[in-house]
Amino acid sequence: MCADRIVYSTHPRPDPLCPRCGEPAERCACRTVELPPNRQTARLEHDRKRRRGKSVTVIGGLVLSEAKLTELTKLLKNRCGAGGTVKDGEIEIQGDHRDKVAQILHELGYRTKMVGG
């Protein structure tokens, strides 16, 4: 019988899984490879779903480590003059700042693509 397969556990919460590869977080290899900015395309989306009508700019599709993602989030929040966070490997900036974020990412060397409405 395979040792990795848990049939029953009394552990209150199982280990979190990586949303990209589905592996447990400690075995995930998705975030170890970082691409240079000129080889990445950031998806910029304006989202209002599940947010009680509040607008959020979601930046996804970037392959960065957690530290670099947090550093980029801090820069975007500062330059946009808005709050924000990192959730599930995506950056969320409060408000509709797609044009400003696209300009900032172009200055940093990233390609951007507007997604959604």
PDB file of N, CA and C in Angstrom:
ATOM      1  N   MET A   1       0.839  -1.174   0.000  1.00  0.00           N
ATOM      2  CA  MET A   1       0.000   0.000   0.000  1.00  0.00           C
ATOM      3  C   MET A   1       0.887   1.242   0.000  1.00  0.00           C
ATOM      4  N   CYS A   2       0.478   2.246  -0.721  1.00  0.00           N
ATOM      5  CA  CYS A   2       1.247   3.479  -0.863  1.00  0.00           C
ATOM      6  C   CYS A   2       1.214   4.277   0.441  1.00  0.00           C
ATOM      7  N   ALA A   3       2.358   4.782   0.873  1.00  0.00           N
ATOM      8  CA  ALA A   3       2.440   5.517   2.133  1.00  0.00           C
ATOM      9  C   ALA A   3       1.913   6.950   2.002  1.00  0.00           C
ATOM     10  N   ASP A   4       1.857   7.493   0.777  1.00  0.00           N
ATOM     11  CA  ASP A   4       1.400   8.873   0.588  1.00  0.00           C
ATOM     12  C   ASP A   4      -0.117   9.010   0.630  1.00  0.00           C
ATOM     13  N   ARG A   5      -0.832   7.926   0.518  1.00  0.00           N
ATOM     14  CA  ARG A   5      -2.286   7.974   0.447  1.00  0.00           C
ATOM     15  C   ARG A   5      -2.879   7.927   1.851  1.00  0.00           C
ATOM     16  N   ILE A   6      -3.520   9.013   2.277  1.00  0.00           N
ATOM     17  CA  ILE A   6      -4.144   9.071   3.590  1.00  0.00           C
ATOM     18  C   ILE A   6      -5.599   8.661   3.438  1.00  0.00           C
ATOM     19  N   VAL A   7      -5.989   7.627   4.157  1.00  0.00           N
ATOM     20  CA  VAL A   7      -7.365   7.164   4.108  1.00  0.00           C
ATOM     21  C   VAL A   7      -8.194   7.911   5.143  1.00  0.00           C
ATOM     22  N   TYR A   8      -7.636   8.085   6.329  1.00  0.00           N
ATOM     23  CA  TYR A   8      -8.342   8.796   7.386  1.00  0.00           C
ATOM     24  C   TYR A   8      -7.310   9.515   8.232  1.00  0.00           C
ATOM     25  N   SER A   9      -7.632  10.724   8.633  1.00  0.00           N
ATOM     26  CA  SER A   9      -6.708  11.488   9.451  1.00  0.00           C
ATOM     27  C   SER A   9      -7.477  12.259  10.507  1.00  0.00           C
ATOM     28  N   THR A  10      -6.901  12.356  11.692  1.00  0.00           N
ATOM     29  CA  THR A  10      -7.505  13.160  12.747  1.00  0.00           C
ATOM     30  C   THR A  10      -6.913  14.563  12.755  1.00  0.00           C
ATOM     31  N   HIS A  11      -6.007  14.809  11.808  1.00  0.00           N
ATOM     32  CA  HIS A  11      -5.408  16.136  11.683  1.00  0.00           C
ATOM     33  C   HIS A  11      -6.525  17.132  11.366  1.00  0.00           C
ATOM     34  N   PRO A  12      -6.595  18.277  12.098  1.00  0.00           N
ATOM     35  CA  PRO A  12      -7.719  19.201  11.916  1.00  0.00           C
ATOM     36  C   PRO A  12      -7.811  19.803  10.516  1.00  0.00           C
ATOM     37  N   ARG A  13      -6.688  20.012   9.859  1.00  0.00           N
ATOM     38  CA  ARG A  13      -6.711  20.586   8.521  1.00  0.00           C
ATOM     39  C   ARG A  13      -5.585  19.952   7.718  1.00  0.00           C
ATOM     40  N   PRO A  14      -5.891  19.402   6.542  1.00  0.00           N
ATOM     41  CA  PRO A  14      -4.826  18.788   5.754  1.00  0.00           C
ATOM     42  C   PRO A  14      -3.864  19.848   5.226  1.00  0.00           C
ATOM     43  N   ASP A  15      -2.689  19.405   4.820  1.00  0.00           N
ATOM     44  CA  ASP A  15      -1.693  20.323   4.272  1.00  0.00           C
ATOM     45  C   ASP A  15      -2.253  21.001   3.027  1.00  0.00           C
ATOM     46  N   PRO A  16      -1.973  22.289   2.852  1.00  0.00           N
ATOM     47  CA  PRO A  16      -2.499  22.994   1.680  1.00  0.00           C
ATOM     48  C   PRO A  16      -1.871  22.466   0.395  1.00  0.00           C
ATOM     49  N   LEU A  17      -2.659  22.467  -0.665  1.00  0.00           N
ATOM     50  CA  LEU A  17      -2.193  22.013  -1.967  1.00  0.00           C
ATOM     51  C   LEU A  17      -1.860  23.216  -2.839  1.00  0.00           C
ATOM     52  N   CYS A  18      -0.896  23.040  -3.717  1.00  0.00           N
ATOM     53  CA  CYS A  18      -0.542  24.076  -4.675  1.00  0.00           C
ATOM     54  C   CYS A  18      -1.672  24.202  -5.697  1.00  0.00           C
ATOM     55  N   PRO A  19      -2.170  25.422  -5.968  1.00  0.00           N
ATOM     56  CA  PRO A  19      -3.257  25.565  -6.932  1.00  0.00           C
ATOM     57  C   PRO A  19      -2.834  25.279  -8.367  1.00  0.00           C
ATOM     58  N   ARG A  20      -1.532  25.334  -8.666  1.00  0.00           N
ATOM     59  CA  ARG A  20      -1.068  25.100 -10.034  1.00  0.00           C
ATOM     60  C   ARG A  20      -0.857  23.618 -10.341  1.00  0.00           C
ATOM     61  N   CYS A  21      -0.125  22.910  -9.453  1.00  0.00           N
ATOM     62  CA  CYS A  21       0.220  21.522  -9.762  1.00  0.00           C
ATOM     63  C   CYS A  21      -0.554  20.502  -8.938  1.00  0.00           C
ATOM     64  N   GLY A  22      -1.200  20.923  -7.855  1.00  0.00           N
ATOM     65  CA  GLY A  22      -1.986  20.002  -7.043  1.00  0.00           C
ATOM     66  C   GLY A  22      -1.183  19.220  -6.024  1.00  0.00           C
ATOM     67  N   GLU A  23       0.112  19.434  -5.969  1.00  0.00           N
ATOM     68  CA  GLU A  23       0.966  18.751  -4.999  1.00  0.00           C
ATOM     69  C   GLU A  23       0.881  19.462  -3.645  1.00  0.00           C
ATOM     70  N   PRO A  24       1.205  18.758  -2.544  1.00  0.00           N
ATOM     71  CA  PRO A  24       1.286  19.445  -1.249  1.00  0.00           C
ATOM     72  C   PRO A  24       2.310  20.577  -1.319  1.00  0.00           C
ATOM     73  N   ALA A  25       2.082  21.615  -0.552  1.00  0.00           N
ATOM     74  CA  ALA A  25       2.900  22.826  -0.636  1.00  0.00           C
ATOM     75  C   ALA A  25       4.388  22.556  -0.409  1.00  0.00           C
ATOM     76  N   GLU A  26       4.737  21.621   0.483  1.00  0.00           N
ATOM     77  CA  GLU A  26       6.158  21.374   0.746  1.00  0.00           C
ATOM     78  C   GLU A  26       6.843  20.631  -0.394  1.00  0.00           C
ATOM     79  N   ARG A  27       6.093  19.932  -1.266  1.00  0.00           N
ATOM     80  CA  ARG A  27       6.681  19.221  -2.399  1.00  0.00           C
ATOM     81  C   ARG A  27       6.511  19.966  -3.719  1.00  0.00           C
ATOM     82  N   CYS A  28       5.887  21.117  -3.708  1.00  0.00           N
ATOM     83  CA  CYS A  28       5.604  21.870  -4.925  1.00  0.00           C
ATOM     84  C   CYS A  28       6.892  22.429  -5.526  1.00  0.00           C
ATOM     85  N   ALA A  29       7.015  22.300  -6.833  1.00  0.00           N
ATOM     86  CA  ALA A  29       8.185  22.831  -7.530  1.00  0.00           C
ATOM     87  C   ALA A  29       7.800  23.944  -8.493  1.00  0.00           C
ATOM     88  N   CYS A  30       6.571  24.390  -8.465  1.00  0.00           N
ATOM     89  CA  CYS A  30       6.098  25.415  -9.404  1.00  0.00           C
ATOM     90  C   CYS A  30       6.811  26.745  -9.214  1.00  0.00           C
ATOM     91  N   ARG A  31       7.004  27.161  -7.994  1.00  0.00           N
ATOM     92  CA  ARG A  31       7.530  28.493  -7.709  1.00  0.00           C
ATOM     93  C   ARG A  31       9.059  28.553  -7.702  1.00  0.00           C
ATOM     94  N   THR A  32       9.736  27.433  -7.900  1.00  0.00           N
ATOM     95  CA  THR A  32      11.188  27.465  -7.829  1.00  0.00           C
ATOM     96  C   THR A  32      11.811  28.028  -9.102  1.00  0.00           C
ATOM     97  N   VAL A  33      11.124  27.926 -10.227  1.00  0.00           N
ATOM     98  CA  VAL A  33      11.645  28.426 -11.491  1.00  0.00           C
ATOM     99  C   VAL A  33      11.064  29.812 -11.742  1.00  0.00           C
ATOM    100  N   GLU A  34      11.931  30.794 -11.885  1.00  0.00           N
ATOM    101  CA  GLU A  34      11.485  32.156 -12.181  1.00  0.00           C
ATOM    102  C   GLU A  34      11.939  32.524 -13.584  1.00  0.00           C
ATOM    103  N   LEU A  35      11.028  33.101 -14.341  1.00  0.00           N
ATOM    104  CA  LEU A  35      11.348  33.559 -15.680  1.00  0.00           C
ATOM    105  C   LEU A  35      11.694  35.042 -15.634  1.00  0.00           C
ATOM    106  N   PRO A  36      12.536  35.510 -16.554  1.00  0.00           N
ATOM    107  CA  PRO A  36      12.810  36.950 -16.601  1.00  0.00           C
ATOM    108  C   PRO A  36      11.544  37.703 -17.018  1.00  0.00           C
ATOM    109  N   PRO A  37      11.420  38.969 -16.636  1.00  0.00           N
ATOM    110  CA  PRO A  37      10.198  39.724 -16.937  1.00  0.00           C
ATOM    111  C   PRO A  37       9.833  39.765 -18.415  1.00  0.00           C
ATOM    112  N   ASN A  38      10.824  39.828 -19.315  1.00  0.00           N
ATOM    113  CA  ASN A  38      10.498  39.934 -20.738  1.00  0.00           C
ATOM    114  C   ASN A  38       9.935  38.641 -21.324  1.00  0.00           C
ATOM    115  N   ARG A  39       9.963  37.544 -20.581  1.00  0.00           N
ATOM    116  CA  ARG A  39       9.396  36.275 -21.047  1.00  0.00           C
ATOM    117  C   ARG A  39       8.079  35.941 -20.357  1.00  0.00           C
ATOM    118  N   GLN A  40       7.525  36.899 -19.594  1.00  0.00           N
ATOM    119  CA  GLN A  40       6.275  36.664 -18.877  1.00  0.00           C
ATOM    120  C   GLN A  40       5.200  37.629 -19.362  1.00  0.00           C
ATOM    121  N   THR A  41       3.969  37.142 -19.392  1.00  0.00           N
ATOM    122  CA  THR A  41       2.829  37.981 -19.742  1.00  0.00           C
ATOM    123  C   THR A  41       1.898  38.033 -18.544  1.00  0.00           C
ATOM    124  N   ALA A  42       1.672  39.241 -18.044  1.00  0.00           N
ATOM    125  CA  ALA A  42       0.774  39.436 -16.903  1.00  0.00           C
ATOM    126  C   ALA A  42      -0.646  39.622 -17.430  1.00  0.00           C
ATOM    127  N   ARG A  43      -1.596  38.890 -16.855  1.00  0.00           N
ATOM    128  CA  ARG A  43      -3.013  39.041 -17.204  1.00  0.00           C
ATOM    129  C   ARG A  43      -3.634  40.045 -16.244  1.00  0.00           C
ATOM    130  N   LEU A  44      -4.174  41.140 -16.783  1.00  0.00           N
ATOM    131  CA  LEU A  44      -4.802  42.177 -15.969  1.00  0.00           C
ATOM    132  C   LEU A  44      -6.308  42.065 -16.122  1.00  0.00           C
ATOM    133  N   GLU A  45      -6.989  41.906 -15.004  1.00  0.00           N
ATOM    134  CA  GLU A  45      -8.435  41.695 -15.030  1.00  0.00           C
ATOM    135  C   GLU A  45      -9.110  42.625 -14.029  1.00  0.00           C
ATOM    136  N   HIS A  46     -10.235  43.185 -14.443  1.00  0.00           N
ATOM    137  CA  HIS A  46     -11.060  44.001 -13.545  1.00  0.00           C
ATOM    138  C   HIS A  46     -12.147  43.075 -13.020  1.00  0.00           C
ATOM    139  N   ASP A  47     -12.229  42.920 -11.705  1.00  0.00           N
ATOM    140  CA  ASP A  47     -13.140  41.937 -11.114  1.00  0.00           C
ATOM    141  C   ASP A  47     -14.005  42.587 -10.051  1.00  0.00           C
ATOM    142  N   ARG A  48     -15.291  42.199 -10.033  1.00  0.00           N
ATOM    143  CA  ARG A  48     -16.213  42.673  -8.993  1.00  0.00           C
ATOM    144  C   ARG A  48     -17.001  41.518  -8.387  1.00  0.00           C
ATOM    145  N   LYS A  49     -16.755  40.315  -8.844  1.00  0.00           N
ATOM    146  CA  LYS A  49     -17.507  39.159  -8.353  1.00  0.00           C
ATOM    147  C   LYS A  49     -17.097  38.811  -6.927  1.00  0.00           C
ATOM    148  N   ARG A  50     -18.058  38.446  -6.118  1.00  0.00           N
ATOM    149  CA  ARG A  50     -17.854  38.020  -4.729  1.00  0.00           C
ATOM    150  C   ARG A  50     -17.176  39.102  -3.889  1.00  0.00           C
ATOM    151  N   ARG A  51     -17.332  40.369  -4.264  1.00  0.00           N
ATOM    152  CA  ARG A  51     -16.691  41.459  -3.527  1.00  0.00           C
ATOM    153  C   ARG A  51     -17.692  42.542  -3.141  1.00  0.00           C
ATOM    154  N   ARG A  52     -18.963  42.210  -3.148  1.00  0.00           N
ATOM    155  CA  ARG A  52     -20.043  43.130  -2.778  1.00  0.00           C
ATOM    156  C   ARG A  52     -19.988  44.427  -3.585  1.00  0.00           C
ATOM    157  N   GLY A  53     -19.689  44.321  -4.892  1.00  0.00           N
ATOM    158  CA  GLY A  53     -19.709  45.476  -5.776  1.00  0.00           C
ATOM    159  C   GLY A  53     -18.441  46.292  -5.821  1.00  0.00           C
ATOM    160  N   LYS A  54     -17.460  45.937  -5.020  1.00  0.00           N
ATOM    161  CA  LYS A  54     -16.210  46.700  -5.003  1.00  0.00           C
ATOM    162  C   LYS A  54     -15.285  46.226  -6.132  1.00  0.00           C
ATOM    163  N   SER A  55     -14.628  47.168  -6.776  1.00  0.00           N
ATOM    164  CA  SER A  55     -13.748  46.860  -7.902  1.00  0.00           C
ATOM    165  C   SER A  55     -12.361  46.459  -7.421  1.00  0.00           C
ATOM    166  N   VAL A  56     -11.782  45.492  -8.120  1.00  0.00           N
ATOM    167  CA  VAL A  56     -10.430  45.027  -7.813  1.00  0.00           C
ATOM    168  C   VAL A  56      -9.713  44.751  -9.128  1.00  0.00           C
ATOM    169  N   THR A  57      -8.458  45.153  -9.226  1.00  0.00           N
ATOM    170  CA  THR A  57      -7.623  44.811 -10.365  1.00  0.00           C
ATOM    171  C   THR A  57      -6.826  43.569  -9.983  1.00  0.00           C
ATOM    172  N   VAL A  58      -6.985  42.491 -10.752  1.00  0.00           N
ATOM    173  CA  VAL A  58      -6.308  41.224 -10.468  1.00  0.00           C
ATOM    174  C   VAL A  58      -5.196  41.031 -11.493  1.00  0.00           C
ATOM    175  N   ILE A  59      -3.978  40.816 -11.010  1.00  0.00           N
ATOM    176  CA  ILE A  59      -2.823  40.579 -11.867  1.00  0.00           C
ATOM    177  C   ILE A  59      -2.415  39.126 -11.681  1.00  0.00           C
ATOM    178  N   GLY A  60      -2.508  38.344 -12.732  1.00  0.00           N
ATOM    179  CA  GLY A  60      -2.184  36.922 -12.650  1.00  0.00           C
ATOM    180  C   GLY A  60      -1.255  36.511 -13.780  1.00  0.00           C
ATOM    181  N   GLY A  61      -0.873  35.245 -13.759  1.00  0.00           N
ATOM    182  CA  GLY A  61      -0.042  34.701 -14.818  1.00  0.00           C
ATOM    183  C   GLY A  61       1.445  34.941 -14.651  1.00  0.00           C
ATOM    184  N   LEU A  62       1.863  35.462 -13.514  1.00  0.00           N
ATOM    185  CA  LEU A  62       3.283  35.712 -13.282  1.00  0.00           C
ATOM    186  C   LEU A  62       3.906  34.538 -12.536  1.00  0.00           C
ATOM    187  N   VAL A  63       5.072  34.115 -12.983  1.00  0.00           N
ATOM    188  CA  VAL A  63       5.794  33.027 -12.323  1.00  0.00           C
ATOM    189  C   VAL A  63       6.910  33.663 -11.500  1.00  0.00           C
ATOM    190  N   LEU A  64       6.590  33.936 -10.231  1.00  0.00           N
ATOM    191  CA  LEU A  64       7.535  34.579  -9.321  1.00  0.00           C
ATOM    192  C   LEU A  64       7.516  33.870  -7.976  1.00  0.00           C
ATOM    193  N   SER A  65       8.598  34.001  -7.230  1.00  0.00           N
ATOM    194  CA  SER A  65       8.621  33.465  -5.871  1.00  0.00           C
ATOM    195  C   SER A  65       7.714  34.321  -5.001  1.00  0.00           C
ATOM    196  N   GLU A  66       7.366  33.813  -3.834  1.00  0.00           N
ATOM    197  CA  GLU A  66       6.487  34.557  -2.926  1.00  0.00           C
ATOM    198  C   GLU A  66       7.116  35.892  -2.530  1.00  0.00           C
ATOM    199  N   ALA A  67       8.427  35.902  -2.318  1.00  0.00           N
ATOM    200  CA  ALA A  67       9.104  37.141  -1.922  1.00  0.00           C
ATOM    201  C   ALA A  67       9.030  38.185  -3.036  1.00  0.00           C
ATOM    202  N   LYS A  68       9.287  37.763  -4.277  1.00  0.00           N
ATOM    203  CA  LYS A  68       9.230  38.704  -5.405  1.00  0.00           C
ATOM    204  C   LYS A  68       7.798  39.161  -5.657  1.00  0.00           C
ATOM    205  N   LEU A  69       6.830  38.263  -5.475  1.00  0.00           N
ATOM    206  CA  LEU A  69       5.425  38.618  -5.655  1.00  0.00           C
ATOM    207  C   LEU A  69       5.011  39.658  -4.618  1.00  0.00           C
ATOM    208  N   THR A  70       5.456  39.483  -3.383  1.00  0.00           N
ATOM    209  CA  THR A  70       5.160  40.447  -2.321  1.00  0.00           C
ATOM    210  C   THR A  70       5.836  41.786  -2.597  1.00  0.00           C
ATOM    211  N   GLU A  71       7.064  41.744  -3.089  1.00  0.00           N
ATOM    212  CA  GLU A  71       7.792  42.974  -3.419  1.00  0.00           C
ATOM    213  C   GLU A  71       7.099  43.738  -4.556  1.00  0.00           C
ATOM    214  N   LEU A  72       6.651  43.014  -5.585  1.00  0.00           N
ATOM    215  CA  LEU A  72       5.936  43.641  -6.700  1.00  0.00           C
ATOM    216  C   LEU A  72       4.601  44.211  -6.236  1.00  0.00           C
ATOM    217  N   THR A  73       3.921  43.504  -5.340  1.00  0.00           N
ATOM    218  CA  THR A  73       2.652  43.991  -4.794  1.00  0.00           C
ATOM    219  C   THR A  73       2.858  45.301  -4.050  1.00  0.00           C
ATOM    220  N   LYS A  74       3.914  45.370  -3.256  1.00  0.00           N
ATOM    221  CA  LYS A  74       4.202  46.591  -2.502  1.00  0.00           C
ATOM    222  C   LYS A  74       4.460  47.764  -3.447  1.00  0.00           C
ATOM    223  N   LEU A  75       5.205  47.521  -4.524  1.00  0.00           N
ATOM    224  CA  LEU A  75       5.483  48.568  -5.503  1.00  0.00           C
ATOM    225  C   LEU A  75       4.199  49.044  -6.178  1.00  0.00           C
ATOM    226  N   LEU A  76       3.350  48.101  -6.604  1.00  0.00           N
ATOM    227  CA  LEU A  76       2.103  48.461  -7.284  1.00  0.00           C
ATOM    228  C   LEU A  76       1.164  49.215  -6.352  1.00  0.00           C
ATOM    229  N   LYS A  77       1.069  48.777  -5.109  1.00  0.00           N
ATOM    230  CA  LYS A  77       0.210  49.467  -4.140  1.00  0.00           C
ATOM    231  C   LYS A  77       0.686  50.900  -3.931  1.00  0.00           C
ATOM    232  N   ASN A  78       1.996  51.075  -3.828  1.00  0.00           N
ATOM    233  CA  ASN A  78       2.568  52.399  -3.606  1.00  0.00           C
ATOM    234  C   ASN A  78       2.323  53.311  -4.805  1.00  0.00           C
ATOM    235  N   ARG A  79       2.587  52.812  -6.021  1.00  0.00           N
ATOM    236  CA  ARG A  79       2.448  53.634  -7.224  1.00  0.00           C
ATOM    237  C   ARG A  79       0.991  53.913  -7.575  1.00  0.00           C
ATOM    238  N   CYS A  80       0.072  53.006  -7.220  1.00  0.00           N
ATOM    239  CA  CYS A  80      -1.354  53.218  -7.510  1.00  0.00           C
ATOM    240  C   CYS A  80      -2.051  53.986  -6.393  1.00  0.00           C
ATOM    241  N   GLY A  81      -1.448  54.057  -5.234  1.00  0.00           N
ATOM    242  CA  GLY A  81      -2.073  54.734  -4.106  1.00  0.00           C
ATOM    243  C   GLY A  81      -3.291  53.994  -3.608  1.00  0.00           C
ATOM    244  N   ALA A  82      -3.206  52.669  -3.580  1.00  0.00           N
ATOM    245  CA  ALA A  82      -4.345  51.846  -3.174  1.00  0.00           C
ATOM    246  C   ALA A  82      -3.850  50.673  -2.347  1.00  0.00           C
ATOM    247  N   GLY A  83      -4.775  50.001  -1.698  1.00  0.00           N
ATOM    248  CA  GLY A  83      -4.453  48.801  -0.943  1.00  0.00           C
ATOM    249  C   GLY A  83      -4.394  47.605  -1.865  1.00  0.00           C
ATOM    250  N   GLY A  84      -3.921  46.506  -1.342  1.00  0.00           N
ATOM    251  CA  GLY A  84      -3.847  45.298  -2.147  1.00  0.00           C
ATOM    252  C   GLY A  84      -3.285  44.148  -1.348  1.00  0.00           C
ATOM    253  N   THR A  85      -3.279  42.970  -1.986  1.00  0.00           N
ATOM    254  CA  THR A  85      -2.798  41.765  -1.322  1.00  0.00           C
ATOM    255  C   THR A  85      -2.388  40.737  -2.368  1.00  0.00           C
ATOM    256  N   VAL A  86      -1.785  39.648  -1.889  1.00  0.00           N
ATOM    257  CA  VAL A  86      -1.464  38.498  -2.731  1.00  0.00           C
ATOM    258  C   VAL A  86      -2.349  37.353  -2.275  1.00  0.00           C
ATOM    259  N   LYS A  87      -3.136  36.786  -3.186  1.00  0.00           N
ATOM    260  CA  LYS A  87      -3.993  35.641  -2.873  1.00  0.00           C
ATOM    261  C   LYS A  87      -3.841  34.595  -3.965  1.00  0.00           C
ATOM    262  N   ASP A  88      -3.516  33.379  -3.578  1.00  0.00           N
ATOM    263  CA  ASP A  88      -3.403  32.247  -4.502  1.00  0.00           C
ATOM    264  C   ASP A  88      -2.488  32.541  -5.687  1.00  0.00           C
ATOM    265  N   GLY A  89      -1.384  33.219  -5.447  1.00  0.00           N
ATOM    266  CA  GLY A  89      -0.429  33.488  -6.510  1.00  0.00           C
ATOM    267  C   GLY A  89      -0.818  34.627  -7.430  1.00  0.00           C
ATOM    268  N   GLU A  90      -1.870  35.362  -7.108  1.00  0.00           N
ATOM    269  CA  GLU A  90      -2.305  36.509  -7.899  1.00  0.00           C
ATOM    270  C   GLU A  90      -2.265  37.762  -7.035  1.00  0.00           C
ATOM    271  N   ILE A  91      -1.991  38.892  -7.665  1.00  0.00           N
ATOM    272  CA  ILE A  91      -1.960  40.170  -6.961  1.00  0.00           C
ATOM    273  C   ILE A  91      -3.314  40.837  -7.134  1.00  0.00           C
ATOM    274  N   GLU A  92      -3.884  41.329  -6.039  1.00  0.00           N
ATOM    275  CA  GLU A  92      -5.145  42.059  -6.087  1.00  0.00           C
ATOM    276  C   GLU A  92      -4.891  43.480  -5.596  1.00  0.00           C
ATOM    277  N   ILE A  93      -5.210  44.457  -6.441  1.00  0.00           N
ATOM    278  CA  ILE A  93      -5.089  45.875  -6.098  1.00  0.00           C
ATOM    279  C   ILE A  93      -6.498  46.446  -6.046  1.00  0.00           C
ATOM    280  N   GLN A  94      -6.831  47.141  -4.972  1.00  0.00           N
ATOM    281  CA  GLN A  94      -8.179  47.686  -4.812  1.00  0.00           C
ATOM    282  C   GLN A  94      -8.417  48.803  -5.818  1.00  0.00           C
ATOM    283  N   GLY A  95      -9.563  48.736  -6.501  1.00  0.00           N
ATOM    284  CA  GLY A  95      -9.933  49.747  -7.489  1.00  0.00           C
ATOM    285  C   GLY A  95      -9.571  49.308  -8.897  1.00  0.00           C
ATOM    286  N   ASP A  96     -10.059  50.067  -9.887  1.00  0.00           N
ATOM    287  CA  ASP A  96      -9.781  49.764 -11.292  1.00  0.00           C
ATOM    288  C   ASP A  96      -8.539  50.536 -11.721  1.00  0.00           C
ATOM    289  N   HIS A  97      -7.384  49.891 -11.639  1.00  0.00           N
ATOM    290  CA  HIS A  97      -6.100  50.516 -11.970  1.00  0.00           C
ATOM    291  C   HIS A  97      -5.404  49.766 -13.099  1.00  0.00           C
ATOM    292  N   ARG A  98      -6.170  49.153 -14.010  1.00  0.00           N
ATOM    293  CA  ARG A  98      -5.556  48.333 -15.058  1.00  0.00           C
ATOM    294  C   ARG A  98      -4.571  49.118 -15.919  1.00  0.00           C
ATOM    295  N   ASP A  99      -4.953  50.328 -16.345  1.00  0.00           N
ATOM    296  CA  ASP A  99      -4.073  51.110 -17.219  1.00  0.00           C
ATOM    297  C   ASP A  99      -2.781  51.507 -16.507  1.00  0.00           C
ATOM    298  N   LYS A 100      -2.896  51.937 -15.270  1.00  0.00           N
ATOM    299  CA  LYS A 100      -1.719  52.350 -14.498  1.00  0.00           C
ATOM    300  C   LYS A 100      -0.814  51.146 -14.209  1.00  0.00           C
ATOM    301  N   VAL A 101      -1.422  50.004 -13.852  1.00  0.00           N
ATOM    302  CA  VAL A 101      -0.641  48.791 -13.574  1.00  0.00           C
ATOM    303  C   VAL A 101       0.055  48.318 -14.843  1.00  0.00           C
ATOM    304  N   ALA A 102      -0.638  48.389 -15.991  1.00  0.00           N
ATOM    305  CA  ALA A 102      -0.033  47.981 -17.262  1.00  0.00           C
ATOM    306  C   ALA A 102       1.188  48.842 -17.570  1.00  0.00           C
ATOM    307  N   GLN A 103       1.086  50.141 -17.339  1.00  0.00           N
ATOM    308  CA  GLN A 103       2.202  51.048 -17.585  1.00  0.00           C
ATOM    309  C   GLN A 103       3.387  50.714 -16.668  1.00  0.00           C
ATOM    310  N   ILE A 104       3.108  50.463 -15.400  1.00  0.00           N
ATOM    311  CA  ILE A 104       4.175  50.135 -14.443  1.00  0.00           C
ATOM    312  C   ILE A 104       4.853  48.823 -14.827  1.00  0.00           C
ATOM    313  N   LEU A 105       4.057  47.818 -15.190  1.00  0.00           N
ATOM    314  CA  LEU A 105       4.631  46.524 -15.561  1.00  0.00           C
ATOM    315  C   LEU A 105       5.442  46.625 -16.849  1.00  0.00           C
ATOM    316  N   HIS A 106       4.996  47.456 -17.806  1.00  0.00           N
ATOM    317  CA  HIS A 106       5.785  47.671 -19.028  1.00  0.00           C
ATOM    318  C   HIS A 106       7.134  48.303 -18.692  1.00  0.00           C
ATOM    319  N   GLU A 107       7.146  49.245 -17.750  1.00  0.00           N
ATOM    320  CA  GLU A 107       8.407  49.868 -17.327  1.00  0.00           C
ATOM    321  C   GLU A 107       9.355  48.843 -16.711  1.00  0.00           C
ATOM    322  N   LEU A 108       8.781  47.832 -16.038  1.00  0.00           N
ATOM    323  CA  LEU A 108       9.600  46.787 -15.410  1.00  0.00           C
ATOM    324  C   LEU A 108      10.004  45.695 -16.399  1.00  0.00           C
ATOM    325  N   GLY A 109       9.452  45.735 -17.626  1.00  0.00           N
ATOM    326  CA  GLY A 109       9.827  44.770 -18.652  1.00  0.00           C
ATOM    327  C   GLY A 109       8.831  43.651 -18.884  1.00  0.00           C
ATOM    328  N   TYR A 110       7.702  43.640 -18.194  1.00  0.00           N
ATOM    329  CA  TYR A 110       6.694  42.596 -18.375  1.00  0.00           C
ATOM    330  C   TYR A 110       5.797  42.924 -19.561  1.00  0.00           C
ATOM    331  N   ARG A 111       5.306  41.884 -20.225  1.00  0.00           N
ATOM    332  CA  ARG A 111       4.260  42.062 -21.228  1.00  0.00           C
ATOM    333  C   ARG A 111       2.930  41.954 -20.507  1.00  0.00           C
ATOM    334  N   THR A 112       1.916  42.671 -20.985  1.00  0.00           N
ATOM    335  CA  THR A 112       0.612  42.639 -20.329  1.00  0.00           C
ATOM    336  C   THR A 112      -0.481  42.320 -21.331  1.00  0.00           C
ATOM    337  N   LYS A 113      -1.567  41.776 -20.800  1.00  0.00           N
ATOM    338  CA  LYS A 113      -2.729  41.450 -21.614  1.00  0.00           C
ATOM    339  C   LYS A 113      -3.966  41.743 -20.782  1.00  0.00           C
ATOM    340  N   MET A 114      -4.862  42.576 -21.325  1.00  0.00           N
ATOM    341  CA  MET A 114      -6.121  42.879 -20.650  1.00  0.00           C
ATOM    342  C   MET A 114      -7.070  41.697 -20.850  1.00  0.00           C
ATOM    343  N   VAL A 115      -7.657  41.233 -19.768  1.00  0.00           N
ATOM    344  CA  VAL A 115      -8.537  40.068 -19.809  1.00  0.00           C
ATOM    345  C   VAL A 115      -9.880  40.461 -19.219  1.00  0.00           C
ATOM    346  N   GLY A 116     -10.968  39.966 -19.800  1.00  0.00           N
ATOM    347  CA  GLY A 116     -12.295  40.225 -19.243  1.00  0.00           C
ATOM    348  C   GLY A 116     -12.806  41.605 -19.589  1.00  0.00           C
ATOM    349  N   GLY A 117     -13.862  42.015 -18.869  1.00  0.00           N
ATOM    350  CA  GLY A 117     -14.521  43.288 -19.178  1.00  0.00           C
ATOM    351  C   GLY A 117     -14.094  44.324 -18.305  1.00  0.00           C
TER     352      GLY A 117
END
